[in-house]
Amino acid sequence: MAGKSGPNHPHRRQPMDKVRQLQRRLCAAAKRHPERRFHALYDRIARCDVLAEAWKRVRRNKGAAGVDAQTIAVLEAYGVEKLLGEIHDVLRAIEMSMKPSFA
């Protein structure tokens, strides 16, 4: 079976993807310190892998149109990669505008 990779046993745990690891770490931190506030998550949600995972979940759940009435079909016609890139750029711009400038 050359070229096949993965667990040797069918019931062995699958490796966790990075988005799931991030979710678990944030969840554990929130449970350890319930009073903690997560003020700076823009750098986490603006990651390309997080945005791609969010899109996959919306697509899998057959997400409904939001207040802007844009359906999945319309967004796919526009271009998912283009849309996610634009969202990434906006989130990064917001993040940068929130950082204090030392001049």
Protein backbone atom coordinates (compact mmCIF):
# COMPACT_ATOMS: atom_id res chain seq x y z
CA MET A 1 0.00 0.00 0.00
CA ALA A 2 2.56 2.54 -1.06
CA GLY A 3 1.51 6.16 -0.88
CA LYS A 4 -1.21 5.69 1.73
CA SER A 5 -0.85 7.57 4.98
CA GLY A 6 -2.94 7.80 8.08
CA PRO A 7 -3.59 5.83 11.21
CA ASN A 8 -2.67 2.16 11.25
CA HIS A 9 -5.74 1.33 13.29
CA PRO A 10 -9.20 2.46 12.12
CA HIS A 11 -10.22 3.59 15.63
CA ARG A 12 -7.05 5.55 16.36
CA ARG A 13 -7.56 9.26 16.92
CA GLN A 14 -7.20 11.42 13.83
CA PRO A 15 -4.80 14.36 13.99
CA MET A 16 -6.59 17.57 14.95
CA ASP A 17 -6.54 20.45 12.52
CA LYS A 18 -5.17 23.82 13.61
CA VAL A 19 -8.56 25.53 13.72
CA ARG A 20 -9.91 22.87 16.08
CA GLN A 21 -6.79 23.20 18.25
CA LEU A 22 -7.35 26.96 18.46
CA GLN A 23 -10.99 26.43 19.44
CA ARG A 24 -10.05 23.98 22.16
CA ARG A 25 -7.31 26.23 23.57
CA LEU A 26 -9.67 29.22 23.71
CA CYS A 27 -12.39 27.09 25.31
CA ALA A 28 -9.98 25.73 27.94
CA ALA A 29 -8.71 29.25 28.73
CA ALA A 30 -12.27 30.53 29.11
CA LYS A 31 -13.19 27.66 31.44
CA ARG A 32 -10.03 28.10 33.55
CA HIS A 33 -10.62 31.82 33.95
CA PRO A 34 -14.36 32.62 33.52
CA GLU A 35 -13.71 36.31 34.23
CA ARG A 36 -11.18 36.57 31.39
CA ARG A 37 -12.10 38.80 28.46
CA PHE A 38 -10.71 38.03 25.04
CA HIS A 39 -10.09 41.54 23.73
CA ALA A 40 -7.64 40.73 20.98
CA LEU A 41 -9.03 37.88 18.90
CA TYR A 42 -8.83 39.64 15.54
CA ASP A 43 -5.47 38.02 14.87
CA ARG A 44 -7.10 34.63 15.46
CA ILE A 45 -10.30 35.06 13.45
CA ALA A 46 -8.51 36.81 10.59
CA ARG A 47 -6.33 33.76 9.91
CA CYS A 48 -6.94 32.35 6.44
CA ASP A 49 -7.38 28.79 7.75
CA VAL A 50 -10.02 29.98 10.25
CA LEU A 51 -11.93 31.87 7.56
CA ALA A 52 -11.76 28.86 5.22
CA GLU A 53 -13.05 26.57 7.98
CA ALA A 54 -15.87 29.01 8.73
CA TRP A 55 -16.86 28.97 5.05
CA LYS A 56 -16.79 25.15 4.97
CA ARG A 57 -19.13 25.06 7.96
CA VAL A 58 -21.52 27.59 6.46
CA ARG A 59 -21.54 25.60 3.21
CA ARG A 60 -22.02 22.28 5.01
CA ASN A 61 -24.90 23.72 7.08
CA LYS A 62 -26.52 25.22 3.98
CA GLY A 63 -26.30 28.64 5.64
CA ALA A 64 -29.22 31.00 5.25
CA ALA A 65 -28.89 34.44 3.73
CA GLY A 66 -28.13 37.13 6.30
CA VAL A 67 -29.40 40.68 6.56
CA ASP A 68 -27.68 41.45 3.26
CA ALA A 69 -29.74 38.68 1.55
CA GLN A 70 -26.61 37.14 -0.04
CA THR A 71 -27.11 33.41 -0.57
CA ILE A 72 -24.41 30.77 -0.81
CA ALA A 73 -24.99 30.59 -4.57
CA VAL A 74 -24.44 34.35 -4.95
CA LEU A 75 -21.26 34.23 -2.84
CA GLU A 76 -19.90 31.28 -4.81
CA ALA A 77 -20.62 33.10 -8.07
CA TYR A 78 -18.72 36.10 -6.69
CA GLY A 79 -15.81 33.87 -5.72
CA VAL A 80 -15.25 32.35 -2.30
CA GLU A 81 -11.48 32.93 -2.32
CA LYS A 82 -12.01 36.55 -3.32
CA LEU A 83 -14.64 37.02 -0.60
CA LEU A 84 -12.49 35.41 2.11
CA GLY A 85 -9.51 37.51 1.02
CA GLU A 86 -11.57 40.68 1.33
CA ILE A 87 -12.85 39.65 4.77
CA HIS A 88 -9.27 38.90 5.81
CA ASP A 89 -8.12 42.34 4.64
CA VAL A 90 -10.95 44.13 6.49
CA LEU A 91 -10.30 42.23 9.73
CA ARG A 92 -6.57 42.97 9.50
CA ALA A 93 -7.28 46.67 8.90
CA ILE A 94 -9.54 46.76 11.95
CA GLU A 95 -6.90 44.98 14.01
CA MET A 96 -4.21 47.44 12.93
CA SER A 97 -6.44 50.46 13.69
CA MET A 98 -6.96 49.16 17.24
CA LYS A 99 -3.23 48.85 18.01
CA PRO A 100 -1.70 51.84 19.75
CA SER A 101 0.79 53.77 17.67
CA PHE A 102 4.03 54.81 19.30
CA ALA A 103 5.30 57.87 17.45
